[in-house]
Amino acid sequence: SQKAAGIRTFSLISLLGAVFTIVALETPVGSG
């Protein structure tokens, strides 16, 4: 649809959510 955010942006955002969740599960400061 030629929007401002596309495949790369959305993929990076999902990766960011996954990484921060894994850190949150493994370390006490990850939830922050």
All heavy atoms as atom14 arrays in JSON, in Angstrom:
{
  "sequence": "SQKAAGIRTFSLISLLGAVFTIVALETPVGSG",
  "atom14_mask": [
    [1, 1, 1, 1, 1, 1, 0, 0, 0, 0, 0, 0, 0, 0],
    [1, 1, 1, 1, 1, 1, 1, 1, 1, 0, 0, 0, 0, 0],
    [1, 1, 1, 1, 1, 1, 1, 1, 1, 0, 0, 0, 0, 0],
    [1, 1, 1, 1, 1, 0, 0, 0, 0, 0, 0, 0, 0, 0],
    [1, 1, 1, 1, 1, 0, 0, 0, 0, 0, 0, 0, 0, 0],
    [1, 1, 1, 1, 0, 0, 0, 0, 0, 0, 0, 0, 0, 0],
    [1, 1, 1, 1, 1, 1, 1, 1, 0, 0, 0, 0, 0, 0],
    [1, 1, 1, 1, 1, 1, 1, 1, 1, 1, 1, 0, 0, 0],
    [1, 1, 1, 1, 1, 1, 1, 0, 0, 0, 0, 0, 0, 0],
    [1, 1, 1, 1, 1, 1, 1, 1, 1, 1, 1, 0, 0, 0],
    [1, 1, 1, 1, 1, 1, 0, 0, 0, 0, 0, 0, 0, 0],
    [1, 1, 1, 1, 1, 1, 1, 1, 0, 0, 0, 0, 0, 0],
    [1, 1, 1, 1, 1, 1, 1, 1, 0, 0, 0, 0, 0, 0],
    [1, 1, 1, 1, 1, 1, 0, 0, 0, 0, 0, 0, 0, 0],
    [1, 1, 1, 1, 1, 1, 1, 1, 0, 0, 0, 0, 0, 0],
    [1, 1, 1, 1, 1, 1, 1, 1, 0, 0, 0, 0, 0, 0],
    [1, 1, 1, 1, 0, 0, 0, 0, 0, 0, 0, 0, 0, 0],
    [1, 1, 1, 1, 1, 0, 0, 0, 0, 0, 0, 0, 0, 0],
    [1, 1, 1, 1, 1, 1, 1, 0, 0, 0, 0, 0, 0, 0],
    [1, 1, 1, 1, 1, 1, 1, 1, 1, 1, 1, 0, 0, 0],
    [1, 1, 1, 1, 1, 1, 1, 0, 0, 0, 0, 0, 0, 0],
    [1, 1, 1, 1, 1, 1, 1, 1, 0, 0, 0, 0, 0, 0],
    [1, 1, 1, 1, 1, 1, 1, 0, 0, 0, 0, 0, 0, 0],
    [1, 1, 1, 1, 1, 0, 0, 0, 0, 0, 0, 0, 0, 0],
    [1, 1, 1, 1, 1, 1, 1, 1, 0, 0, 0, 0, 0, 0],
    [1, 1, 1, 1, 1, 1, 1, 1, 1, 0, 0, 0, 0, 0],
    [1, 1, 1, 1, 1, 1, 1, 0, 0, 0, 0, 0, 0, 0],
    [1, 1, 1, 1, 1, 1, 1, 0, 0, 0, 0, 0, 0, 0],
    [1, 1, 1, 1, 1, 1, 1, 0, 0, 0, 0, 0, 0, 0],
    [1, 1, 1, 1, 0, 0, 0, 0, 0, 0, 0, 0, 0, 0],
    [1, 1, 1, 1, 1, 1, 0, 0, 0, 0, 0, 0, 0, 0],
    [1, 1, 1, 1, 0, 0, 0, 0, 0, 0, 0, 0, 0, 0]
  ],
  "atom14_positions": [
    [[0.82, -1.22, 0.0], [0.0, 0.0, 0.0], [0.85, 1.26, 0.0], [0.3, 2.37, 0.08], [-0.93, 0.01, 1.22], [-1.8, -1.1, 1.2], [0.0, 0.0, 0.0], [0.0, 0.0, 0.0], [0.0, 0.0, 0.0], [0.0, 0.0, 0.0], [0.0, 0.0, 0.0], [0.0, 0.0, 0.0], [0.0, 0.0, 0.0], [0.0, 0.0, 0.0]],
    [[2.17, 1.09, -0.03], [3.12, 2.21, -0.1], [2.98, 3.16, 1.09], [2.93, 4.38, 0.95], [2.94, 2.99, -1.41], [3.2, 2.14, -2.64], [3.07, 2.93, -3.94], [2.62, 4.06, -3.94], [3.47, 2.31, -5.05], [0.0, 0.0, 0.0], [0.0, 0.0, 0.0], [0.0, 0.0, 0.0], [0.0, 0.0, 0.0], [0.0, 0.0, 0.0]],
    [[2.92, 2.56, 2.29], [2.85, 3.34, 3.51], [4.26, 3.67, 3.99], [5.26, 3.12, 3.51], [2.07, 2.58, 4.58], [0.61, 2.34, 4.22], [-0.1, 3.67, 4.05], [-1.6, 3.5, 3.79], [-1.93, 2.94, 2.49], [0.0, 0.0, 0.0], [0.0, 0.0, 0.0], [0.0, 0.0, 0.0], [0.0, 0.0, 0.0], [0.0, 0.0, 0.0]],
    [[4.34, 4.54, 5.0], [5.64, 4.99, 5.5], [6.46, 3.85, 6.1], [7.68, 3.83, 6.03], [5.44, 6.1, 6.53], [0.0, 0.0, 0.0], [0.0, 0.0, 0.0], [0.0, 0.0, 0.0], [0.0, 0.0, 0.0], [0.0, 0.0, 0.0], [0.0, 0.0, 0.0], [0.0, 0.0, 0.0], [0.0, 0.0, 0.0], [0.0, 0.0, 0.0]],
    [[5.8, 2.89, 6.74], [6.47, 1.73, 7.33], [6.08, 0.49, 6.54], [4.9, 0.27, 6.27], [6.09, 1.58, 8.8], [0.0, 0.0, 0.0], [0.0, 0.0, 0.0], [0.0, 0.0, 0.0], [0.0, 0.0, 0.0], [0.0, 0.0, 0.0], [0.0, 0.0, 0.0], [0.0, 0.0, 0.0], [0.0, 0.0, 0.0], [0.0, 0.0, 0.0]],
    [[7.09, -0.32, 6.2], [6.8, -1.5, 5.39], [7.4, -2.77, 5.94], [7.46, -2.97, 7.17], [0.0, 0.0, 0.0], [0.0, 0.0, 0.0], [0.0, 0.0, 0.0], [0.0, 0.0, 0.0], [0.0, 0.0, 0.0], [0.0, 0.0, 0.0], [0.0, 0.0, 0.0], [0.0, 0.0, 0.0], [0.0, 0.0, 0.0], [0.0, 0.0, 0.0]],
    [[7.86, -3.64, 5.07], [8.33, -4.97, 5.46], [9.48, -4.89, 6.45], [9.47, -5.55, 7.49], [8.75, -5.77, 4.21], [7.53, -6.07, 3.34], [9.42, -7.06, 4.62], [7.86, -6.81, 2.06], [0.0, 0.0, 0.0], [0.0, 0.0, 0.0], [0.0, 0.0, 0.0], [0.0, 0.0, 0.0], [0.0, 0.0, 0.0], [0.0, 0.0, 0.0]],
    [[10.49, -4.11, 6.15], [11.67, -4.06, 7.01], [11.33, -3.5, 8.4], [11.76, -4.03, 9.43], [12.76, -3.22, 6.35], [13.33, -3.84, 5.09], [14.44, -2.98, 4.52], [13.93, -1.63, 4.21], [14.71, -0.61, 3.87], [16.03, -0.78, 3.83], [14.19, 0.57, 3.57], [0.0, 0.0, 0.0], [0.0, 0.0, 0.0], [0.0, 0.0, 0.0]],
    [[10.56, -2.41, 8.42], [10.22, -1.78, 9.71], [9.43, -2.73, 10.58], [9.72, -2.9, 11.78], [9.42, -0.49, 9.47], [10.17, 0.39, 8.64], [9.1, 0.19, 10.78], [0.0, 0.0, 0.0], [0.0, 0.0, 0.0], [0.0, 0.0, 0.0], [0.0, 0.0, 0.0], [0.0, 0.0, 0.0], [0.0, 0.0, 0.0], [0.0, 0.0, 0.0]],
    [[8.42, -3.39, 10.01], [7.58, -4.29, 10.79], [8.37, -5.5, 11.27], [8.17, -5.98, 12.4], [6.36, -4.72, 9.96], [5.21, -3.77, 10.03], [5.23, -2.58, 9.32], [4.11, -4.06, 10.8], [4.19, -1.69, 9.38], [3.03, -3.19, 10.87], [3.08, -1.99, 10.16], [0.0, 0.0, 0.0], [0.0, 0.0, 0.0], [0.0, 0.0, 0.0]],
    [[9.23, -6.02, 10.43], [10.05, -7.16, 10.84], [10.98, -6.79, 11.98], [11.13, -7.56, 12.95], [10.86, -7.67, 9.64], [11.61, -8.81, 10.0], [0.0, 0.0, 0.0], [0.0, 0.0, 0.0], [0.0, 0.0, 0.0], [0.0, 0.0, 0.0], [0.0, 0.0, 0.0], [0.0, 0.0, 0.0], [0.0, 0.0, 0.0], [0.0, 0.0, 0.0]],
    [[11.58, -5.61, 11.9], [12.47, -5.16, 12.98], [11.71, -4.93, 14.28], [12.21, -5.24, 15.37], [13.19, -3.88, 12.55], [14.25, -4.04, 11.45], [14.73, -2.68, 10.96], [15.43, -4.86, 11.97], [0.0, 0.0, 0.0], [0.0, 0.0, 0.0], [0.0, 0.0, 0.0], [0.0, 0.0, 0.0], [0.0, 0.0, 0.0], [0.0, 0.0, 0.0]],
    [[10.49, -4.42, 14.18], [9.68, -4.2, 15.38], [9.34, -5.53, 16.04], [9.41, -5.68, 17.27], [8.41, -3.41, 15.03], [8.77, -1.97, 14.66], [7.43, -3.42, 16.2], [7.6, -1.16, 14.16], [0.0, 0.0, 0.0], [0.0, 0.0, 0.0], [0.0, 0.0, 0.0], [0.0, 0.0, 0.0], [0.0, 0.0, 0.0], [0.0, 0.0, 0.0]],
    [[8.96, -6.53, 15.24], [8.65, -7.86, 15.8], [9.89, -8.48, 16.43], [9.82, -9.1, 17.5], [8.1, -8.78, 14.72], [6.83, -8.35, 14.29], [0.0, 0.0, 0.0], [0.0, 0.0, 0.0], [0.0, 0.0, 0.0], [0.0, 0.0, 0.0], [0.0, 0.0, 0.0], [0.0, 0.0, 0.0], [0.0, 0.0, 0.0], [0.0, 0.0, 0.0]],
    [[11.04, -8.32, 15.78], [12.29, -8.83, 16.35], [12.61, -8.13, 17.66], [13.07, -8.76, 18.62], [13.43, -8.63, 15.35], [13.44, -9.57, 14.14], [14.52, -9.14, 13.15], [13.68, -11.01, 14.58], [0.0, 0.0, 0.0], [0.0, 0.0, 0.0], [0.0, 0.0, 0.0], [0.0, 0.0, 0.0], [0.0, 0.0, 0.0], [0.0, 0.0, 0.0]],
    [[12.35, -6.82, 17.72], [12.59, -6.07, 18.95], [11.71, -6.6, 20.08], [12.18, -6.81, 21.2], [12.31, -4.59, 18.71], [12.61, -3.64, 19.88], [14.11, -3.57, 20.14], [12.05, -2.25, 19.59], [0.0, 0.0, 0.0], [0.0, 0.0, 0.0], [0.0, 0.0, 0.0], [0.0, 0.0, 0.0], [0.0, 0.0, 0.0], [0.0, 0.0, 0.0]],
    [[10.44, -6.85, 19.78], [9.55, -7.4, 20.8], [10.0, -8.77, 21.27], [9.93, -9.1, 22.46], [0.0, 0.0, 0.0], [0.0, 0.0, 0.0], [0.0, 0.0, 0.0], [0.0, 0.0, 0.0], [0.0, 0.0, 0.0], [0.0, 0.0, 0.0], [0.0, 0.0, 0.0], [0.0, 0.0, 0.0], [0.0, 0.0, 0.0], [0.0, 0.0, 0.0]],
    [[10.49, -9.6, 20.32], [10.95, -10.95, 20.68], [12.19, -10.89, 21.55], [12.3, -11.59, 22.58], [11.22, -11.75, 19.41], [0.0, 0.0, 0.0], [0.0, 0.0, 0.0], [0.0, 0.0, 0.0], [0.0, 0.0, 0.0], [0.0, 0.0, 0.0], [0.0, 0.0, 0.0], [0.0, 0.0, 0.0], [0.0, 0.0, 0.0], [0.0, 0.0, 0.0]],
    [[13.15, -10.05, 21.17], [14.4, -9.95, 21.93], [14.14, -9.43, 23.34], [14.64, -9.99, 24.33], [15.39, -9.03, 21.19], [16.59, -8.73, 22.07], [15.84, -9.69, 19.89], [0.0, 0.0, 0.0], [0.0, 0.0, 0.0], [0.0, 0.0, 0.0], [0.0, 0.0, 0.0], [0.0, 0.0, 0.0], [0.0, 0.0, 0.0], [0.0, 0.0, 0.0]],
    [[13.36, -8.37, 23.47], [13.08, -7.82, 24.79], [12.3, -8.8, 25.66], [12.49, -8.87, 26.87], [12.3, -6.51, 24.65], [13.16, -5.33, 24.29], [12.61, -4.08, 24.09], [14.54, -5.47, 24.13], [13.39, -2.98, 23.75], [15.35, -4.39, 23.8], [14.77, -3.15, 23.61], [0.0, 0.0, 0.0], [0.0, 0.0, 0.0], [0.0, 0.0, 0.0]],
    [[11.43, -9.6, 25.05], [10.68, -10.61, 25.82], [11.61, -11.7, 26.33], [11.49, -12.14, 27.49], [9.57, -11.23, 24.95], [8.69, -10.21, 24.5], [8.77, -12.27, 25.72], [0.0, 0.0, 0.0], [0.0, 0.0, 0.0], [0.0, 0.0, 0.0], [0.0, 0.0, 0.0], [0.0, 0.0, 0.0], [0.0, 0.0, 0.0], [0.0, 0.0, 0.0]],
    [[12.51, -12.15, 25.49], [13.47, -13.18, 25.92], [14.35, -12.65, 27.05], [14.6, -13.35, 28.05], [14.33, -13.62, 24.72], [13.46, -14.37, 23.71], [15.49, -14.5, 25.18], [14.16, -14.66, 22.4], [0.0, 0.0, 0.0], [0.0, 0.0, 0.0], [0.0, 0.0, 0.0], [0.0, 0.0, 0.0], [0.0, 0.0, 0.0], [0.0, 0.0, 0.0]],
    [[14.8, -11.42, 26.95], [15.6, -10.81, 28.02], [14.78, -10.69, 29.29], [15.27, -10.93, 30.4], [16.13, -9.43, 27.57], [16.85, -8.73, 28.72], [17.07, -9.58, 26.38], [0.0, 0.0, 0.0], [0.0, 0.0, 0.0], [0.0, 0.0, 0.0], [0.0, 0.0, 0.0], [0.0, 0.0, 0.0], [0.0, 0.0, 0.0], [0.0, 0.0, 0.0]],
    [[13.48, -10.34, 29.13], [12.61, -10.21, 30.3], [12.42, -11.54, 31.0], [12.28, -11.61, 32.23], [11.26, -9.63, 29.88], [0.0, 0.0, 0.0], [0.0, 0.0, 0.0], [0.0, 0.0, 0.0], [0.0, 0.0, 0.0], [0.0, 0.0, 0.0], [0.0, 0.0, 0.0], [0.0, 0.0, 0.0], [0.0, 0.0, 0.0], [0.0, 0.0, 0.0]],
    [[12.39, -12.62, 30.23], [12.21, -13.95, 30.82], [13.48, -14.47, 31.49], [13.41, -15.32, 32.39], [11.76, -14.94, 29.73], [10.37, -14.7, 29.13], [10.12, -15.66, 27.97], [9.28, -14.86, 30.19], [0.0, 0.0, 0.0], [0.0, 0.0, 0.0], [0.0, 0.0, 0.0], [0.0, 0.0, 0.0], [0.0, 0.0, 0.0], [0.0, 0.0, 0.0]],
    [[14.62, -13.98, 31.05], [15.89, -14.51, 31.54], [16.55, -13.64, 32.61], [17.33, -14.13, 33.42], [16.86, -14.69, 30.36], [16.39, -15.66, 29.3], [16.31, -17.09, 29.81], [17.03, -17.41, 30.79], [15.53, -17.89, 29.26], [0.0, 0.0, 0.0], [0.0, 0.0, 0.0], [0.0, 0.0, 0.0], [0.0, 0.0, 0.0], [0.0, 0.0, 0.0]],
    [[16.26, -12.34, 32.62], [16.92, -11.43, 33.57], [15.89, -10.61, 34.33], [14.8, -10.33, 33.8], [17.88, -10.48, 32.83], [17.11, -9.65, 31.95], [18.91, -11.25, 32.03], [0.0, 0.0, 0.0], [0.0, 0.0, 0.0], [0.0, 0.0, 0.0], [0.0, 0.0, 0.0], [0.0, 0.0, 0.0], [0.0, 0.0, 0.0], [0.0, 0.0, 0.0]],
    [[16.19, -10.2, 35.55], [15.23, -9.43, 36.34], [14.98, -8.03, 35.8], [13.94, -7.43, 36.08], [15.89, -9.37, 37.72], [17.33, -9.62, 37.49], [17.42, -10.52, 36.31], [0.0, 0.0, 0.0], [0.0, 0.0, 0.0], [0.0, 0.0, 0.0], [0.0, 0.0, 0.0], [0.0, 0.0, 0.0], [0.0, 0.0, 0.0], [0.0, 0.0, 0.0]],
    [[15.93, -7.47, 35.02], [15.74, -6.11, 34.51], [15.1, -6.09, 33.13], [14.81, -5.02, 32.58], [17.11, -5.38, 34.44], [17.69, -5.22, 35.82], [18.07, -6.12, 33.51], [0.0, 0.0, 0.0], [0.0, 0.0, 0.0], [0.0, 0.0, 0.0], [0.0, 0.0, 0.0], [0.0, 0.0, 0.0], [0.0, 0.0, 0.0], [0.0, 0.0, 0.0]],
    [[14.85, -7.29, 32.58], [14.33, -7.36, 31.23], [12.92, -6.85, 31.08], [12.54, -6.34, 30.02], [0.0, 0.0, 0.0], [0.0, 0.0, 0.0], [0.0, 0.0, 0.0], [0.0, 0.0, 0.0], [0.0, 0.0, 0.0], [0.0, 0.0, 0.0], [0.0, 0.0, 0.0], [0.0, 0.0, 0.0], [0.0, 0.0, 0.0], [0.0, 0.0, 0.0]],
    [[12.11, -6.95, 32.14], [10.73, -6.49, 32.04], [10.68, -4.98, 31.78], [9.8, -4.49, 31.07], [9.97, -6.84, 33.32], [10.62, -6.3, 34.45], [0.0, 0.0, 0.0], [0.0, 0.0, 0.0], [0.0, 0.0, 0.0], [0.0, 0.0, 0.0], [0.0, 0.0, 0.0], [0.0, 0.0, 0.0], [0.0, 0.0, 0.0], [0.0, 0.0, 0.0]],
    [[11.61, -4.26, 32.36], [11.68, -2.83, 32.11], [11.99, -2.53, 30.66], [11.42, -1.59, 30.06], [0.0, 0.0, 0.0], [0.0, 0.0, 0.0], [0.0, 0.0, 0.0], [0.0, 0.0, 0.0], [0.0, 0.0, 0.0], [0.0, 0.0, 0.0], [0.0, 0.0, 0.0], [0.0, 0.0, 0.0], [0.0, 0.0, 0.0], [0.0, 0.0, 0.0]]
  ]
}
